Amino acid sequence: MANATKTKNKKPSWFRRVGAKFKETFSELKRVSWPKFTTVLKTTGVVLVVVTAFLAIVTGIDWGLGEILDKITKA
């Protein structure tokens, strides 16, 4: 009887736990509603435009502050 409780409370092996996790993950991925390729392209384009705009703004501010610093230090 004592032997039966030891095997009952024992954790499954590492390989079984990892296998169960992979099985669970792939099961969840089957339920995901994936966007269409055109939607992915459109949203990627929007992200690239926004990132480019922020890059231009930050670069402009950096350049402007650098010019101001040059004028202050040369004076």
Protein backbone atom coordinates (compact mmCIF):
# COMPACT_ATOMS: atom_id res chain seq x y z
CA MET A 1 0.00 0.00 0.00
CA ALA A 2 2.81 2.42 0.86
CA ASN A 3 4.42 1.67 -2.50
CA ALA A 4 1.21 2.56 -4.35
CA THR A 5 1.02 6.02 -2.74
CA LYS A 6 4.64 6.74 -3.66
CA THR A 7 4.00 6.08 -7.34
CA LYS A 8 0.73 7.99 -7.19
CA ASN A 9 2.39 11.19 -5.90
CA LYS A 10 5.48 10.88 -8.10
CA LYS A 11 5.89 13.55 -10.82
CA PRO A 12 6.02 12.36 -14.42
CA SER A 13 9.43 12.33 -16.06
CA TRP A 14 10.89 15.45 -17.60
CA PHE A 15 10.35 14.13 -21.12
CA ARG A 16 6.67 13.44 -20.47
CA ARG A 17 6.15 16.93 -19.02
CA VAL A 18 7.90 18.59 -21.97
CA GLY A 19 5.95 16.44 -24.41
CA ALA A 20 2.69 17.35 -22.70
CA LYS A 21 3.63 21.05 -22.86
CA PHE A 22 4.37 20.81 -26.60
CA LYS A 23 1.08 19.00 -27.19
CA GLU A 24 -0.78 21.68 -25.23
CA THR A 25 0.99 24.46 -27.14
CA PHE A 26 0.17 23.03 -30.57
CA SER A 27 -3.40 22.43 -29.46
CA GLU A 28 -3.70 26.13 -28.55
CA LEU A 29 -2.11 27.22 -31.83
CA LYS A 30 -4.80 25.36 -33.76
CA ARG A 31 -7.45 27.51 -32.06
CA VAL A 32 -5.78 30.82 -32.92
CA SER A 33 -7.52 32.91 -35.56
CA TRP A 34 -4.63 33.94 -37.80
CA PRO A 35 -4.95 37.17 -39.82
CA LYS A 36 -4.95 37.10 -43.60
CA PHE A 37 -1.69 37.85 -45.39
CA THR A 38 -3.02 41.14 -46.79
CA THR A 39 -3.90 42.29 -43.28
CA VAL A 40 -0.41 41.44 -42.09
CA LEU A 41 1.11 43.41 -44.97
CA LYS A 42 -1.08 46.44 -44.30
CA THR A 43 -0.36 46.53 -40.57
CA THR A 44 3.35 45.99 -41.21
CA GLY A 45 3.29 48.95 -43.60
CA VAL A 46 1.58 51.11 -40.99
CA VAL A 47 4.18 50.14 -38.38
CA LEU A 48 7.04 50.95 -40.77
CA VAL A 49 5.55 54.36 -41.61
CA VAL A 50 5.06 55.25 -37.94
CA VAL A 51 8.57 54.10 -37.01
CA THR A 52 10.06 56.09 -39.90
CA ALA A 53 8.12 59.19 -38.85
CA PHE A 54 9.34 58.92 -35.26
CA LEU A 55 12.87 58.30 -36.52
CA ALA A 56 12.73 61.51 -38.55
CA ILE A 57 11.35 63.50 -35.61
CA VAL A 58 13.92 62.22 -33.13
CA THR A 59 16.76 62.71 -35.63
CA GLY A 60 15.60 66.28 -36.28
CA ILE A 61 15.43 67.07 -32.58
CA ASP A 62 18.86 65.53 -32.02
CA TRP A 63 20.36 67.51 -34.90
CA GLY A 64 18.73 70.76 -33.69
CA LEU A 65 19.93 70.32 -30.13
CA GLY A 66 23.41 69.47 -31.43
CA GLU A 67 23.47 72.71 -33.44
CA ILE A 68 22.35 74.70 -30.40
CA LEU A 69 25.06 73.06 -28.29
CA ASP A 70 27.69 73.87 -30.93
CA LYS A 71 26.65 77.55 -30.95
CA ILE A 72 26.73 77.72 -27.13
CA THR A 73 30.15 76.08 -26.82
CA LYS A 74 31.77 78.15 -29.63
CA ALA A 75 30.58 81.47 -28.19
